[in-house]
Amino acid sequence: MPGLDCSTFLNLSNGNSMSQTTRTLQETLTTLAPAETLQAAKQFFARQNGVYAAFPEQESPQHLTLRGQGGEEIIIGVTPVAGGTRVTGSTYLFDQQLARFFATLSGLAVAANTGGVS
C-alpha cells in the first residue's frame, strides 16, 4: 500500500502499564497470615466463572500452584513480614484475575505492584 510504512518499531517498553513483566509478576502486602492468604486464593479462584476458574495442583506452607483453563498456571507465594504477609503472584494469562484477587486482600499501609521481587 503506498504511503504505509510498517517498518517502524512500536516501543512500549517505556515502563508503562503495558509491560508484560508488570502484568505477569505482581506483588502486594496483606494483614492476613500466610496460611489464610493461600486459603483465600483457593476459594477466590475456585468460584470464578468458566474459563477463569483455577484449582490447586501443588501447595506448601509457602506457595500455591493453581491450574486453570487450557493448562494456564497461577503461582502464589507467601512470606511473613512485620504485620502481615508479602504475597507474590505469577501468571501469563490470568493477570487480571490475579490483580482482582490481590484487591480482595486486607492491605497493609503500603501495597506494591512491581515488576520484580524486592
N, C-alpha and C. Protein backbone atom coordinates (compact mmCIF):
# COMPACT_ATOMS: atom_id res chain seq x y z
N MET A 1 0.85 -1.16 0.00
CA MET A 1 0.00 0.00 0.00
C MET A 1 0.90 1.23 0.00
N PRO A 2 0.72 2.14 -0.94
CA PRO A 2 1.57 3.33 -1.00
C PRO A 2 1.40 4.21 0.24
N GLY A 3 2.48 4.70 0.79
CA GLY A 3 2.44 5.61 1.92
C GLY A 3 2.34 4.93 3.28
N LEU A 4 2.24 3.62 3.31
CA LEU A 4 2.13 2.90 4.58
C LEU A 4 3.49 2.32 4.93
N ASP A 5 4.11 2.82 5.98
CA ASP A 5 5.42 2.35 6.40
C ASP A 5 5.26 1.44 7.60
N CYS A 6 5.43 0.15 7.42
CA CYS A 6 5.28 -0.83 8.50
C CYS A 6 6.63 -1.21 9.10
N SER A 7 7.68 -0.50 8.75
CA SER A 7 9.00 -0.86 9.25
C SER A 7 9.33 -0.19 10.58
N THR A 8 8.50 0.72 11.05
CA THR A 8 8.77 1.42 12.31
C THR A 8 8.38 0.53 13.47
N PHE A 9 9.30 0.37 14.42
CA PHE A 9 9.07 -0.45 15.60
C PHE A 9 8.31 0.35 16.65
N LEU A 10 7.23 -0.20 17.15
CA LEU A 10 6.45 0.44 18.20
C LEU A 10 7.08 0.09 19.54
N ASN A 11 7.60 1.07 20.25
CA ASN A 11 8.28 0.85 21.51
C ASN A 11 7.33 1.09 22.68
N LEU A 12 6.90 0.00 23.33
CA LEU A 12 6.05 0.10 24.51
C LEU A 12 6.82 -0.21 25.79
N SER A 13 8.13 -0.31 25.70
CA SER A 13 8.93 -0.70 26.86
C SER A 13 9.41 0.51 27.66
N ASN A 14 8.58 1.53 27.77
CA ASN A 14 8.98 2.73 28.49
C ASN A 14 8.52 2.72 29.94
N GLY A 15 8.21 1.53 30.47
CA GLY A 15 7.84 1.43 31.87
C GLY A 15 6.36 1.65 32.14
N ASN A 16 5.54 1.73 31.10
CA ASN A 16 4.11 1.94 31.33
C ASN A 16 3.41 0.64 31.71
N SER A 17 2.11 0.71 31.92
CA SER A 17 1.36 -0.44 32.40
C SER A 17 1.21 -1.54 31.36
N MET A 18 1.67 -1.35 30.15
CA MET A 18 1.58 -2.37 29.12
C MET A 18 2.68 -3.42 29.23
N SER A 19 3.65 -3.20 30.10
CA SER A 19 4.77 -4.11 30.24
C SER A 19 4.31 -5.50 30.63
N GLN A 20 4.71 -6.51 29.86
CA GLN A 20 4.33 -7.90 30.15
C GLN A 20 4.87 -8.34 31.50
N THR A 21 6.08 -7.91 31.85
CA THR A 21 6.66 -8.28 33.14
C THR A 21 5.81 -7.76 34.29
N THR A 22 5.32 -6.53 34.18
CA THR A 22 4.49 -5.96 35.23
C THR A 22 3.19 -6.73 35.39
N ARG A 23 2.66 -7.22 34.30
CA ARG A 23 1.39 -7.95 34.36
C ARG A 23 1.58 -9.39 34.82
N THR A 24 2.71 -10.02 34.52
CA THR A 24 2.88 -11.43 34.85
C THR A 24 3.43 -11.67 36.25
N LEU A 25 4.08 -10.69 36.85
CA LEU A 25 4.60 -10.82 38.20
C LEU A 25 4.05 -9.66 39.02
N GLN A 26 3.19 -9.99 39.98
CA GLN A 26 2.55 -8.97 40.80
C GLN A 26 2.84 -9.26 42.27
N GLU A 27 2.83 -8.20 43.06
CA GLU A 27 3.15 -8.35 44.48
C GLU A 27 2.32 -7.38 45.31
N THR A 28 1.93 -7.81 46.50
CA THR A 28 1.20 -6.95 47.42
C THR A 28 1.51 -7.37 48.85
N LEU A 29 1.06 -6.57 49.79
CA LEU A 29 1.20 -6.88 51.21
C LEU A 29 -0.19 -6.98 51.81
N THR A 30 -0.39 -7.91 52.74
CA THR A 30 -1.69 -8.08 53.38
C THR A 30 -1.51 -8.30 54.88
N THR A 31 -2.56 -8.03 55.62
CA THR A 31 -2.54 -8.27 57.07
C THR A 31 -2.88 -9.72 57.40
N LEU A 32 -3.32 -10.49 56.40
CA LEU A 32 -3.62 -11.90 56.64
C LEU A 32 -2.34 -12.70 56.89
N ALA A 33 -2.49 -13.81 57.60
CA ALA A 33 -1.38 -14.73 57.80
C ALA A 33 -1.13 -15.49 56.49
N PRO A 34 0.06 -16.06 56.29
CA PRO A 34 0.34 -16.81 55.06
C PRO A 34 -0.69 -17.91 54.76
N ALA A 35 -1.04 -18.72 55.75
CA ALA A 35 -2.00 -19.82 55.53
C ALA A 35 -3.37 -19.28 55.14
N GLU A 36 -3.78 -18.18 55.77
CA GLU A 36 -5.07 -17.57 55.44
C GLU A 36 -5.06 -17.01 54.01
N THR A 37 -3.94 -16.48 53.60
CA THR A 37 -3.81 -15.92 52.26
C THR A 37 -3.93 -17.02 51.20
N LEU A 38 -3.26 -18.14 51.42
CA LEU A 38 -3.34 -19.25 50.47
C LEU A 38 -4.75 -19.84 50.42
N GLN A 39 -5.40 -19.93 51.57
CA GLN A 39 -6.78 -20.43 51.61
C GLN A 39 -7.71 -19.47 50.86
N ALA A 40 -7.50 -18.18 51.02
CA ALA A 40 -8.31 -17.19 50.31
C ALA A 40 -8.11 -17.32 48.80
N ALA A 41 -6.88 -17.61 48.37
CA ALA A 41 -6.61 -17.78 46.94
C ALA A 41 -7.36 -19.00 46.39
N LYS A 42 -7.33 -20.10 47.13
CA LYS A 42 -8.05 -21.30 46.69
C LYS A 42 -9.54 -21.01 46.53
N GLN A 43 -10.11 -20.33 47.49
CA GLN A 43 -11.54 -20.01 47.44
C GLN A 43 -11.85 -19.03 46.30
N PHE A 44 -11.03 -18.01 46.15
CA PHE A 44 -11.27 -16.99 45.12
C PHE A 44 -11.25 -17.62 43.72
N PHE A 45 -10.22 -18.39 43.41
CA PHE A 45 -10.08 -18.93 42.06
C PHE A 45 -11.06 -20.07 41.78
N ALA A 46 -11.50 -20.79 42.80
CA ALA A 46 -12.47 -21.86 42.60
C ALA A 46 -13.85 -21.32 42.25
N ARG A 47 -14.18 -20.12 42.70
CA ARG A 47 -15.51 -19.57 42.45
C ARG A 47 -15.58 -18.67 41.22
N GLN A 48 -14.50 -18.55 40.47
CA GLN A 48 -14.52 -17.75 39.24
C GLN A 48 -15.36 -18.46 38.17
N ASN A 49 -15.88 -17.70 37.24
CA ASN A 49 -16.72 -18.25 36.18
C ASN A 49 -15.90 -18.92 35.09
N GLY A 50 -16.37 -20.06 34.63
CA GLY A 50 -15.87 -20.75 33.45
C GLY A 50 -14.39 -20.76 33.23
N VAL A 51 -13.95 -20.02 32.21
CA VAL A 51 -12.56 -20.07 31.79
C VAL A 51 -11.60 -19.44 32.79
N TYR A 52 -12.11 -18.72 33.79
CA TYR A 52 -11.24 -18.08 34.78
C TYR A 52 -11.13 -18.84 36.08
N ALA A 53 -11.76 -20.00 36.16
CA ALA A 53 -11.62 -20.83 37.36
C ALA A 53 -10.26 -21.53 37.33
N ALA A 54 -9.69 -21.75 38.51
CA ALA A 54 -8.42 -22.46 38.62
C ALA A 54 -8.44 -23.23 39.93
N PHE A 55 -7.78 -24.39 39.93
CA PHE A 55 -7.86 -25.29 41.06
C PHE A 55 -6.46 -25.73 41.51
N PRO A 56 -6.30 -25.98 42.82
CA PRO A 56 -4.98 -26.32 43.36
C PRO A 56 -4.36 -27.54 42.67
N GLU A 57 -3.09 -27.40 42.37
CA GLU A 57 -2.33 -28.51 41.79
C GLU A 57 -1.20 -28.91 42.74
N GLN A 58 -0.52 -27.92 43.30
CA GLN A 58 0.56 -28.17 44.27
C GLN A 58 0.46 -27.11 45.35
N GLU A 59 0.86 -27.48 46.56
CA GLU A 59 0.92 -26.46 47.61
C GLU A 59 1.86 -26.86 48.72
N SER A 60 2.35 -25.83 49.38
CA SER A 60 3.18 -25.98 50.57
C SER A 60 2.80 -24.82 51.48
N PRO A 61 3.38 -24.73 52.68
CA PRO A 61 3.07 -23.58 53.54
C PRO A 61 3.50 -22.24 52.94
N GLN A 62 4.39 -22.26 51.92
CA GLN A 62 4.89 -21.02 51.33
C GLN A 62 4.35 -20.73 49.93
N HIS A 63 3.65 -21.68 49.29
CA HIS A 63 3.20 -21.42 47.93
C HIS A 63 1.96 -22.23 47.57
N LEU A 64 1.34 -21.81 46.48
CA LEU A 64 0.18 -22.50 45.92
C LEU A 64 0.29 -22.40 44.41
N THR A 65 0.16 -23.54 43.73
CA THR A 65 0.11 -23.56 42.28
C THR A 65 -1.29 -23.98 41.89
N LEU A 66 -1.92 -23.14 41.08
CA LEU A 66 -3.28 -23.43 40.60
C LEU A 66 -3.21 -23.68 39.10
N ARG A 67 -4.11 -24.54 38.62
CA ARG A 67 -4.17 -24.84 37.19
C ARG A 67 -5.55 -24.45 36.69
N GLY A 68 -5.57 -23.69 35.59
CA GLY A 68 -6.82 -23.21 35.04
C GLY A 68 -7.07 -23.74 33.63
N GLN A 69 -8.02 -23.12 32.97
CA GLN A 69 -8.43 -23.47 31.62
C GLN A 69 -7.22 -23.54 30.69
N GLY A 70 -7.16 -24.59 29.89
CA GLY A 70 -6.08 -24.73 28.92
C GLY A 70 -4.72 -24.97 29.54
N GLY A 71 -4.69 -25.34 30.82
CA GLY A 71 -3.43 -25.62 31.49
C GLY A 71 -2.72 -24.39 32.03
N GLU A 72 -3.39 -23.23 31.98
CA GLU A 72 -2.78 -21.99 32.48
C GLU A 72 -2.43 -22.13 33.96
N GLU A 73 -1.25 -21.68 34.33
CA GLU A 73 -0.73 -21.82 35.69
C GLU A 73 -0.73 -20.48 36.41
N ILE A 74 -1.12 -20.52 37.67
CA ILE A 74 -1.04 -19.36 38.55
C ILE A 74 -0.22 -19.81 39.75
N ILE A 75 0.81 -19.07 40.08
CA ILE A 75 1.65 -19.40 41.22
C ILE A 75 1.57 -18.25 42.21
N ILE A 76 1.27 -18.59 43.45
CA ILE A 76 1.19 -17.58 44.51
C ILE A 76 2.14 -18.00 45.63
N GLY A 77 3.03 -17.09 45.98
CA GLY A 77 3.97 -17.33 47.07
C GLY A 77 3.70 -16.38 48.22
N VAL A 78 3.93 -16.84 49.43
CA VAL A 78 3.70 -16.01 50.62
C VAL A 78 4.94 -16.02 51.51
N THR A 79 5.23 -14.86 52.09
CA THR A 79 6.36 -14.72 53.00
C THR A 79 5.92 -13.84 54.16
N PRO A 80 6.09 -14.31 55.41
CA PRO A 80 5.74 -13.46 56.55
C PRO A 80 6.62 -12.22 56.60
N VAL A 81 6.00 -11.08 56.90
CA VAL A 81 6.72 -9.82 57.11
C VAL A 81 6.12 -9.16 58.35
N ALA A 82 6.75 -8.12 58.84
CA ALA A 82 6.24 -7.42 60.02
C ALA A 82 4.80 -6.95 59.78
N GLY A 83 3.89 -7.43 60.58
CA GLY A 83 2.50 -7.00 60.49
C GLY A 83 1.64 -7.75 59.50
N GLY A 84 2.21 -8.71 58.76
CA GLY A 84 1.39 -9.43 57.79
C GLY A 84 2.17 -10.35 56.88
N THR A 85 1.81 -10.33 55.61
CA THR A 85 2.37 -11.26 54.63
C THR A 85 2.63 -10.56 53.31
N ARG A 86 3.81 -10.83 52.73
CA ARG A 86 4.11 -10.38 51.37
C ARG A 86 3.60 -11.49 50.45
N VAL A 87 2.77 -11.10 49.47
CA VAL A 87 2.18 -12.06 48.54
C VAL A 87 2.69 -11.74 47.14
N THR A 88 3.27 -12.74 46.49
CA THR A 88 3.77 -12.59 45.13
C THR A 88 3.01 -13.57 44.26
N GLY A 89 2.54 -13.10 43.12
CA GLY A 89 1.82 -13.96 42.19
C GLY A 89 2.39 -13.86 40.80
N SER A 90 2.37 -14.98 40.09
CA SER A 90 2.87 -15.00 38.73
C SER A 90 1.93 -15.82 37.85
N THR A 91 1.63 -15.29 36.69
CA THR A 91 0.78 -15.96 35.71
C THR A 91 1.00 -15.28 34.37
N TYR A 92 0.63 -15.96 33.31
CA TYR A 92 0.77 -15.35 31.99
C TYR A 92 -0.56 -14.80 31.49
N LEU A 93 -1.62 -15.58 31.58
CA LEU A 93 -2.91 -15.16 31.04
C LEU A 93 -3.91 -14.68 32.09
N PHE A 94 -3.73 -15.05 33.35
CA PHE A 94 -4.70 -14.72 34.38
C PHE A 94 -4.30 -13.46 35.15
N ASP A 95 -3.60 -12.54 34.52
CA ASP A 95 -3.09 -11.36 35.23
C ASP A 95 -4.21 -10.50 35.80
N GLN A 96 -5.32 -10.34 35.10
CA GLN A 96 -6.42 -9.54 35.63
C GLN A 96 -7.07 -10.22 36.84
N GLN A 97 -7.23 -11.53 36.76
CA GLN A 97 -7.82 -12.25 37.88
C GLN A 97 -6.90 -12.22 39.10
N LEU A 98 -5.59 -12.30 38.87
CA LEU A 98 -4.63 -12.21 39.97
C LEU A 98 -4.72 -10.83 40.63
N ALA A 99 -4.81 -9.79 39.83
CA ALA A 99 -4.94 -8.43 40.37
C ALA A 99 -6.24 -8.28 41.15
N ARG A 100 -7.31 -8.89 40.66
CA ARG A 100 -8.58 -8.84 41.39
C ARG A 100 -8.48 -9.57 42.72
N PHE A 101 -7.80 -10.72 42.73
CA PHE A 101 -7.60 -11.44 43.99
C PHE A 101 -6.83 -10.57 44.98
N PHE A 102 -5.74 -9.95 44.52
CA PHE A 102 -4.95 -9.09 45.41
C PHE A 102 -5.80 -7.96 45.97
N ALA A 103 -6.73 -7.44 45.18
CA ALA A 103 -7.58 -6.34 45.63
C ALA A 103 -8.53 -6.78 46.75
N THR A 104 -8.79 -8.09 46.88
CA THR A 104 -9.68 -8.58 47.93
C THR A 104 -8.96 -8.76 49.26
N LEU A 105 -7.64 -8.75 49.25
CA LEU A 105 -6.86 -8.98 50.48
C LEU A 105 -6.82 -7.73 51.34
N SER A 106 -6.85 -7.91 52.65
CA SER A 106 -6.71 -6.78 53.57
C SER A 106 -5.29 -6.24 53.43
N GLY A 107 -5.17 -4.98 53.10
CA GLY A 107 -3.85 -4.41 52.82
C GLY A 107 -3.15 -3.83 54.02
N LEU A 108 -1.84 -3.83 53.96
CA LEU A 108 -1.03 -3.09 54.91
C LEU A 108 -0.97 -1.65 54.42
N ALA A 109 -0.34 -0.78 55.16
CA ALA A 109 -0.27 0.63 54.79
C ALA A 109 0.37 0.84 53.42
N VAL A 110 1.32 0.00 53.05
CA VAL A 110 1.99 0.12 51.76
C VAL A 110 1.76 -1.15 50.97
N ALA A 111 1.16 -1.04 49.80
CA ALA A 111 0.96 -2.18 48.91
C ALA A 111 1.72 -1.89 47.61
N ALA A 112 2.26 -2.93 46.99
CA ALA A 112 3.07 -2.72 45.80
C ALA A 112 2.64 -3.67 44.69
N ASN A 113 2.71 -3.18 43.47
CA ASN A 113 2.55 -4.00 42.27
C ASN A 113 3.82 -3.75 41.48
N THR A 114 4.76 -4.67 41.57
CA THR A 114 6.07 -4.43 40.97
C THR A 114 6.37 -5.42 39.89
N GLY A 115 7.33 -5.07 39.09
CA GLY A 115 7.80 -5.96 38.05
C GLY A 115 8.88 -6.89 38.56
N GLY A 116 9.22 -6.84 39.82
CA GLY A 116 10.25 -7.70 40.37
C GLY A 116 10.09 -7.83 41.86
N VAL A 117 10.73 -8.79 42.42
CA VAL A 117 10.67 -9.02 43.86
C VAL A 117 11.72 -8.16 44.52
N SER A 118 11.34 -7.45 45.57
CA SER A 118 12.31 -6.61 46.26
C SER A 118 12.81 -7.27 47.53
